[in-house]
Amino acid sequence: MEKNKAVAFSISGMHCNSCLMLIKMGLQELEGVKEVSGNWEKGKVQVAFDESKASIKDIMKKIEQEGYKVVEYGK
């Protein structure tokens, strides 16, 4: 059974739209991630995901693998 959740992440290191696109493409590779949107100027990314397939920890790890740092997250 799907357990959908949406979480906003504040990310340091995003300097342009290409940075945002890298993060979005990386996160979309994760099983359970449904939708990724964001604003590089504000350093924000919103992720909708199925909690039974992905966790906040998985998402944060993937963002860091792409070369960025999560500084805060929440609703």
PDB file of N, CA and C in Angstrom:
ATOM      1  N   MET A   1       0.827  -1.184   0.000  1.00  0.00           N
ATOM      2  CA  MET A   1       0.000   0.000   0.000  1.00  0.00           C
ATOM      3  C   MET A   1       0.875   1.252   0.000  1.00  0.00           C
ATOM      4  N   GLU A   2       0.557   2.193  -0.865  1.00  0.00           N
ATOM      5  CA  GLU A   2       1.356   3.413  -0.962  1.00  0.00           C
ATOM      6  C   GLU A   2       1.102   4.323   0.226  1.00  0.00           C
ATOM      7  N   LYS A   3       2.178   4.914   0.721  1.00  0.00           N
ATOM      8  CA  LYS A   3       2.096   5.913   1.781  1.00  0.00           C
ATOM      9  C   LYS A   3       2.793   7.165   1.244  1.00  0.00           C
ATOM     10  N   ASN A   4       2.023   8.016   0.577  1.00  0.00           N
ATOM     11  CA  ASN A   4       2.598   9.193  -0.061  1.00  0.00           C
ATOM     12  C   ASN A   4       2.877  10.306   0.940  1.00  0.00           C
ATOM     13  N   LYS A   5       4.006  10.958   0.719  1.00  0.00           N
ATOM     14  CA  LYS A   5       4.441  12.040   1.578  1.00  0.00           C
ATOM     15  C   LYS A   5       5.144  13.068   0.708  1.00  0.00           C
ATOM     16  N   ALA A   6       5.058  14.334   1.092  1.00  0.00           N
ATOM     17  CA  ALA A   6       5.782  15.392   0.386  1.00  0.00           C
ATOM     18  C   ALA A   6       6.633  16.148   1.408  1.00  0.00           C
ATOM     19  N   VAL A   7       7.895  16.366   1.053  1.00  0.00           N
ATOM     20  CA  VAL A   7       8.825  17.041   1.954  1.00  0.00           C
ATOM     21  C   VAL A   7       9.604  18.087   1.168  1.00  0.00           C
ATOM     22  N   ALA A   8       9.816  19.243   1.799  1.00  0.00           N
ATOM     23  CA  ALA A   8      10.626  20.305   1.201  1.00  0.00           C
ATOM     24  C   ALA A   8      12.038  20.237   1.791  1.00  0.00           C
ATOM     25  N   PHE A   9      13.023  20.421   0.934  1.00  0.00           N
ATOM     26  CA  PHE A   9      14.424  20.404   1.341  1.00  0.00           C
ATOM     27  C   PHE A   9      15.074  21.739   0.996  1.00  0.00           C
ATOM     28  N   SER A  10      15.856  22.284   1.922  1.00  0.00           N
ATOM     29  CA  SER A  10      16.698  23.447   1.640  1.00  0.00           C
ATOM     30  C   SER A  10      18.079  22.899   1.313  1.00  0.00           C
ATOM     31  N   ILE A  11      18.617  23.327   0.177  1.00  0.00           N
ATOM     32  CA  ILE A  11      19.866  22.747  -0.318  1.00  0.00           C
ATOM     33  C   ILE A  11      20.880  23.842  -0.592  1.00  0.00           C
ATOM     34  N   SER A  12      22.104  23.647  -0.120  1.00  0.00           N
ATOM     35  CA  SER A  12      23.165  24.603  -0.433  1.00  0.00           C
ATOM     36  C   SER A  12      23.955  24.086  -1.624  1.00  0.00           C
ATOM     37  N   GLY A  13      24.430  25.022  -2.431  1.00  0.00           N
ATOM     38  CA  GLY A  13      25.248  24.654  -3.581  1.00  0.00           C
ATOM     39  C   GLY A  13      24.535  24.749  -4.912  1.00  0.00           C
ATOM     40  N   MET A  14      23.225  24.997  -4.909  1.00  0.00           N
ATOM     41  CA  MET A  14      22.503  25.155  -6.178  1.00  0.00           C
ATOM     42  C   MET A  14      22.717  26.583  -6.671  1.00  0.00           C
ATOM     43  N   HIS A  15      23.359  26.719  -7.829  1.00  0.00           N
ATOM     44  CA  HIS A  15      23.688  28.042  -8.349  1.00  0.00           C
ATOM     45  C   HIS A  15      22.941  28.395  -9.628  1.00  0.00           C
ATOM     46  N   CYS A  16      22.302  27.400 -10.250  1.00  0.00           N
ATOM     47  CA  CYS A  16      21.637  27.661 -11.531  1.00  0.00           C
ATOM     48  C   CYS A  16      20.587  26.573 -11.801  1.00  0.00           C
ATOM     49  N   ASN A  17      19.858  26.739 -12.875  1.00  0.00           N
ATOM     50  CA  ASN A  17      18.831  25.768 -13.232  1.00  0.00           C
ATOM     51  C   ASN A  17      19.434  24.398 -13.541  1.00  0.00           C
ATOM     52  N   SER A  18      20.655  24.366 -14.061  1.00  0.00           N
ATOM     53  CA  SER A  18      21.308  23.082 -14.346  1.00  0.00           C
ATOM     54  C   SER A  18      21.536  22.290 -13.058  1.00  0.00           C
ATOM     55  N   CYS A  19      21.864  22.991 -11.972  1.00  0.00           N
ATOM     56  CA  CYS A  19      22.025  22.328 -10.671  1.00  0.00           C
ATOM     57  C   CYS A  19      20.707  21.677 -10.265  1.00  0.00           C
ATOM     58  N   LEU A  20      19.629  22.427 -10.396  1.00  0.00           N
ATOM     59  CA  LEU A  20      18.313  21.903 -10.053  1.00  0.00           C
ATOM     60  C   LEU A  20      17.974  20.691 -10.911  1.00  0.00           C
ATOM     61  N   MET A  21      18.266  20.760 -12.192  1.00  0.00           N
ATOM     62  CA  MET A  21      17.966  19.647 -13.097  1.00  0.00           C
ATOM     63  C   MET A  21      18.763  18.396 -12.720  1.00  0.00           C
ATOM     64  N   LEU A  22      20.025  18.558 -12.321  1.00  0.00           N
ATOM     65  CA  LEU A  22      20.843  17.421 -11.877  1.00  0.00           C
ATOM     66  C   LEU A  22      20.207  16.737 -10.667  1.00  0.00           C
ATOM     67  N   ILE A  23      19.779  17.544  -9.707  1.00  0.00           N
ATOM     68  CA  ILE A  23      19.145  17.000  -8.511  1.00  0.00           C
ATOM     69  C   ILE A  23      17.853  16.286  -8.886  1.00  0.00           C
ATOM     70  N   LYS A  24      17.030  16.927  -9.723  1.00  0.00           N
ATOM     71  CA  LYS A  24      15.758  16.327 -10.122  1.00  0.00           C
ATOM     72  C   LYS A  24      15.964  14.989 -10.825  1.00  0.00           C
ATOM     73  N   MET A  25      16.906  14.952 -11.768  1.00  0.00           N
ATOM     74  CA  MET A  25      17.150  13.702 -12.501  1.00  0.00           C
ATOM     75  C   MET A  25      17.656  12.613 -11.566  1.00  0.00           C
ATOM     76  N   GLY A  26      18.543  12.974 -10.644  1.00  0.00           N
ATOM     77  CA  GLY A  26      19.058  11.994  -9.687  1.00  0.00           C
ATOM     78  C   GLY A  26      17.965  11.435  -8.796  1.00  0.00           C
ATOM     79  N   LEU A  27      17.109  12.319  -8.283  1.00  0.00           N
ATOM     80  CA  LEU A  27      16.042  11.870  -7.394  1.00  0.00           C
ATOM     81  C   LEU A  27      15.008  11.026  -8.121  1.00  0.00           C
ATOM     82  N   GLN A  28      14.753  11.324  -9.375  1.00  0.00           N
ATOM     83  CA  GLN A  28      13.774  10.560 -10.130  1.00  0.00           C
ATOM     84  C   GLN A  28      14.240   9.133 -10.398  1.00  0.00           C
ATOM     85  N   GLU A  29      15.530   8.863 -10.197  1.00  0.00           N
ATOM     86  CA  GLU A  29      16.060   7.502 -10.332  1.00  0.00           C
ATOM     87  C   GLU A  29      15.698   6.640  -9.121  1.00  0.00           C
ATOM     88  N   LEU A  30      15.372   7.276  -7.997  1.00  0.00           N
ATOM     89  CA  LEU A  30      15.056   6.529  -6.781  1.00  0.00           C
ATOM     90  C   LEU A  30      13.673   5.900  -6.880  1.00  0.00           C
ATOM     91  N   GLU A  31      13.591   4.627  -6.506  1.00  0.00           N
ATOM     92  CA  GLU A  31      12.295   3.958  -6.485  1.00  0.00           C
ATOM     93  C   GLU A  31      11.415   4.625  -5.434  1.00  0.00           C
ATOM     94  N   GLY A  32      10.187   4.909  -5.801  1.00  0.00           N
ATOM     95  CA  GLY A  32       9.240   5.511  -4.875  1.00  0.00           C
ATOM     96  C   GLY A  32       9.086   7.008  -5.013  1.00  0.00           C
ATOM     97  N   VAL A  33      10.038   7.671  -5.672  1.00  0.00           N
ATOM     98  CA  VAL A  33       9.917   9.113  -5.865  1.00  0.00           C
ATOM     99  C   VAL A  33       8.900   9.369  -6.970  1.00  0.00           C
ATOM    100  N   LYS A  34       7.887  10.158  -6.635  1.00  0.00           N
ATOM    101  CA  LYS A  34       6.780  10.417  -7.563  1.00  0.00           C
ATOM    102  C   LYS A  34       6.974  11.714  -8.342  1.00  0.00           C
ATOM    103  N   GLU A  35       7.394  12.773  -7.638  1.00  0.00           N
ATOM    104  CA  GLU A  35       7.503  14.080  -8.269  1.00  0.00           C
ATOM    105  C   GLU A  35       8.570  14.904  -7.568  1.00  0.00           C
ATOM    106  N   VAL A  36       9.322  15.674  -8.365  1.00  0.00           N
ATOM    107  CA  VAL A  36      10.348  16.553  -7.822  1.00  0.00           C
ATOM    108  C   VAL A  36      10.167  17.917  -8.478  1.00  0.00           C
ATOM    109  N   SER A  37      10.107  18.946  -7.656  1.00  0.00           N
ATOM    110  CA  SER A  37      10.041  20.307  -8.183  1.00  0.00           C
ATOM    111  C   SER A  37      10.930  21.181  -7.311  1.00  0.00           C
ATOM    112  N   GLY A  38      11.244  22.368  -7.784  1.00  0.00           N
ATOM    113  CA  GLY A  38      12.095  23.214  -6.966  1.00  0.00           C
ATOM    114  C   GLY A  38      12.357  24.570  -7.570  1.00  0.00           C
ATOM    115  N   ASN A  39      13.141  25.347  -6.833  1.00  0.00           N
ATOM    116  CA  ASN A  39      13.530  26.690  -7.236  1.00  0.00           C
ATOM    117  C   ASN A  39      14.984  26.879  -6.834  1.00  0.00           C
ATOM    118  N   TRP A  40      15.874  26.935  -7.820  1.00  0.00           N
ATOM    119  CA  TRP A  40      17.303  27.026  -7.493  1.00  0.00           C
ATOM    120  C   TRP A  40      17.643  28.357  -6.838  1.00  0.00           C
ATOM    121  N   GLU A  41      16.928  29.420  -7.183  1.00  0.00           N
ATOM    122  CA  GLU A  41      17.211  30.739  -6.596  1.00  0.00           C
ATOM    123  C   GLU A  41      16.939  30.758  -5.095  1.00  0.00           C
ATOM    124  N   LYS A  42      15.938  30.011  -4.670  1.00  0.00           N
ATOM    125  CA  LYS A  42      15.606  29.928  -3.248  1.00  0.00           C
ATOM    126  C   LYS A  42      16.314  28.763  -2.565  1.00  0.00           C
ATOM    127  N   GLY A  43      16.964  27.896  -3.351  1.00  0.00           N
ATOM    128  CA  GLY A  43      17.658  26.742  -2.787  1.00  0.00           C
ATOM    129  C   GLY A  43      16.707  25.705  -2.226  1.00  0.00           C
ATOM    130  N   LYS A  44      15.537  25.573  -2.855  1.00  0.00           N
ATOM    131  CA  LYS A  44      14.500  24.660  -2.345  1.00  0.00           C
ATOM    132  C   LYS A  44      14.158  23.585  -3.365  1.00  0.00           C
ATOM    133  N   VAL A  45      13.912  22.390  -2.857  1.00  0.00           N
ATOM    134  CA  VAL A  45      13.429  21.272  -3.674  1.00  0.00           C
ATOM    135  C   VAL A  45      12.310  20.590  -2.898  1.00  0.00           C
ATOM    136  N   GLN A  46      11.194  20.323  -3.575  1.00  0.00           N
ATOM    137  CA  GLN A  46      10.089  19.591  -2.973  1.00  0.00           C
ATOM    138  C   GLN A  46      10.044  18.204  -3.610  1.00  0.00           C
ATOM    139  N   VAL A  47       9.900  17.195  -2.767  1.00  0.00           N
ATOM    140  CA  VAL A  47       9.892  15.816  -3.246  1.00  0.00           C
ATOM    141  C   VAL A  47       8.645  15.112  -2.725  1.00  0.00           C
ATOM    142  N   ALA A  48       7.859  14.558  -3.651  1.00  0.00           N
ATOM    143  CA  ALA A  48       6.716  13.713  -3.293  1.00  0.00           C
ATOM    144  C   ALA A  48       7.158  12.272  -3.508  1.00  0.00           C
ATOM    145  N   PHE A  49       6.947  11.436  -2.492  1.00  0.00           N
ATOM    146  CA  PHE A  49       7.439  10.065  -2.582  1.00  0.00           C
ATOM    147  C   PHE A  49       6.561   9.115  -1.795  1.00  0.00           C
ATOM    148  N   ASP A  50       6.718   7.848  -2.080  1.00  0.00           N
ATOM    149  CA  ASP A  50       6.015   6.763  -1.398  1.00  0.00           C
ATOM    150  C   ASP A  50       6.915   6.296  -0.254  1.00  0.00           C
ATOM    151  N   GLU A  51       6.486   6.544   0.976  1.00  0.00           N
ATOM    152  CA  GLU A  51       7.292   6.193   2.154  1.00  0.00           C
ATOM    153  C   GLU A  51       7.546   4.698   2.297  1.00  0.00           C
ATOM    154  N   SER A  52       6.760   3.876   1.631  1.00  0.00           N
ATOM    155  CA  SER A  52       6.996   2.435   1.725  1.00  0.00           C
ATOM    156  C   SER A  52       8.138   1.992   0.809  1.00  0.00           C
ATOM    157  N   LYS A  53       8.586   2.885  -0.087  1.00  0.00           N
ATOM    158  CA  LYS A  53       9.664   2.542  -1.025  1.00  0.00           C
ATOM    159  C   LYS A  53      10.907   3.421  -0.888  1.00  0.00           C
ATOM    160  N   ALA A  54      10.746   4.634  -0.357  1.00  0.00           N
ATOM    161  CA  ALA A  54      11.876   5.552  -0.209  1.00  0.00           C
ATOM    162  C   ALA A  54      11.742   6.274   1.124  1.00  0.00           C
ATOM    163  N   SER A  55      12.875   6.715   1.657  1.00  0.00           N
ATOM    164  CA  SER A  55      12.860   7.445   2.926  1.00  0.00           C
ATOM    165  C   SER A  55      13.518   8.808   2.746  1.00  0.00           C
ATOM    166  N   ILE A  56      13.319   9.669   3.730  1.00  0.00           N
ATOM    167  CA  ILE A  56      13.984  10.973   3.707  1.00  0.00           C
ATOM    168  C   ILE A  56      15.495  10.769   3.664  1.00  0.00           C
ATOM    169  N   LYS A  57      15.978   9.784   4.397  1.00  0.00           N
ATOM    170  CA  LYS A  57      17.417   9.488   4.413  1.00  0.00           C
ATOM    171  C   LYS A  57      17.911   9.108   3.013  1.00  0.00           C
ATOM    172  N   ASP A  58      17.131   8.291   2.281  1.00  0.00           N
ATOM    173  CA  ASP A  58      17.497   7.914   0.903  1.00  0.00           C
ATOM    174  C   ASP A  58      17.586   9.154   0.014  1.00  0.00           C
ATOM    175  N   ILE A  59      16.610  10.035   0.162  1.00  0.00           N
ATOM    176  CA  ILE A  59      16.557  11.248  -0.653  1.00  0.00           C
ATOM    177  C   ILE A  59      17.749  12.154  -0.337  1.00  0.00           C
ATOM    178  N   MET A  60      18.034  12.333   0.940  1.00  0.00           N
ATOM    179  CA  MET A  60      19.171  13.174   1.338  1.00  0.00           C
ATOM    180  C   MET A  60      20.488  12.592   0.825  1.00  0.00           C
ATOM    181  N   LYS A  61      20.639  11.282   0.916  1.00  0.00           N
ATOM    182  CA  LYS A  61      21.857  10.623   0.433  1.00  0.00           C
ATOM    183  C   LYS A  61      22.027  10.859  -1.066  1.00  0.00           C
ATOM    184  N   LYS A  62      20.938  10.751  -1.823  1.00  0.00           N
ATOM    185  CA  LYS A  62      21.007  10.945  -3.275  1.00  0.00           C
ATOM    186  C   LYS A  62      21.371  12.388  -3.609  1.00  0.00           C
ATOM    187  N   ILE A  63      20.804  13.350  -2.896  1.00  0.00           N
ATOM    188  CA  ILE A  63      21.139  14.763  -3.123  1.00  0.00           C
ATOM    189  C   ILE A  63      22.632  14.979  -2.882  1.00  0.00           C
ATOM    190  N   GLU A  64      23.156  14.387  -1.821  1.00  0.00           N
ATOM    191  CA  GLU A  64      24.579  14.534  -1.501  1.00  0.00           C
ATOM    192  C   GLU A  64      25.454  13.819  -2.526  1.00  0.00           C
ATOM    193  N   GLN A  65      24.983  12.695  -3.069  1.00  0.00           N
ATOM    194  CA  GLN A  65      25.731  11.998  -4.120  1.00  0.00           C
ATOM    195  C   GLN A  65      25.835  12.863  -5.387  1.00  0.00           C
ATOM    196  N   GLU A  66      24.847  13.727  -5.591  1.00  0.00           N
ATOM    197  CA  GLU A  66      24.862  14.624  -6.746  1.00  0.00           C
ATOM    198  C   GLU A  66      25.766  15.840  -6.508  1.00  0.00           C
ATOM    199  N   GLY A  67      26.295  15.979  -5.286  1.00  0.00           N
ATOM    200  CA  GLY A  67      27.257  17.040  -4.994  1.00  0.00           C
ATOM    201  C   GLY A  67      26.687  18.244  -4.258  1.00  0.00           C
ATOM    202  N   TYR A  68      25.533  18.095  -3.628  1.00  0.00           N
ATOM    203  CA  TYR A  68      24.895  19.192  -2.922  1.00  0.00           C
ATOM    204  C   TYR A  68      24.665  18.814  -1.471  1.00  0.00           C
ATOM    205  N   LYS A  69      24.359  19.797  -0.635  1.00  0.00           N
ATOM    206  CA  LYS A  69      24.194  19.537   0.800  1.00  0.00           C
ATOM    207  C   LYS A  69      22.797  19.961   1.244  1.00  0.00           C
ATOM    208  N   VAL A  70      22.111  19.055   1.949  1.00  0.00           N
ATOM    209  CA  VAL A  70      20.822  19.371   2.537  1.00  0.00           C
ATOM    210  C   VAL A  70      21.090  20.105   3.846  1.00  0.00           C
ATOM    211  N   VAL A  71      20.577  21.326   3.963  1.00  0.00           N
ATOM    212  CA  VAL A  71      20.795  22.094   5.194  1.00  0.00           C
ATOM    213  C   VAL A  71      19.581  22.071   6.110  1.00  0.00           C
ATOM    214  N   GLU A  72      18.409  21.731   5.542  1.00  0.00           N
ATOM    215  CA  GLU A  72      17.196  21.674   6.350  1.00  0.00           C
ATOM    216  C   GLU A  72      16.122  20.951   5.553  1.00  0.00           C
ATOM    217  N   TYR A  73      15.205  20.310   6.243  1.00  0.00           N
ATOM    218  CA  TYR A  73      14.068  19.708   5.557  1.00  0.00           C
ATOM    219  C   TYR A  73      12.844  19.738   6.470  1.00  0.00           C
ATOM    220  N   GLY A  74      11.694  19.655   5.873  1.00  0.00           N
ATOM    221  CA  GLY A  74      10.438  19.655   6.617  1.00  0.00           C
ATOM    222  C   GLY A  74       9.278  19.844   5.659  1.00  0.00           C
ATOM    223  N   LYS A  75       8.112  20.144   6.194  1.00  0.00           N
ATOM    224  CA  LYS A  75       6.929  20.305   5.351  1.00  0.00           C
ATOM    225  C   LYS A  75       6.867  21.699   4.770  1.00  0.00           C
TER     226      LYS A  75
END
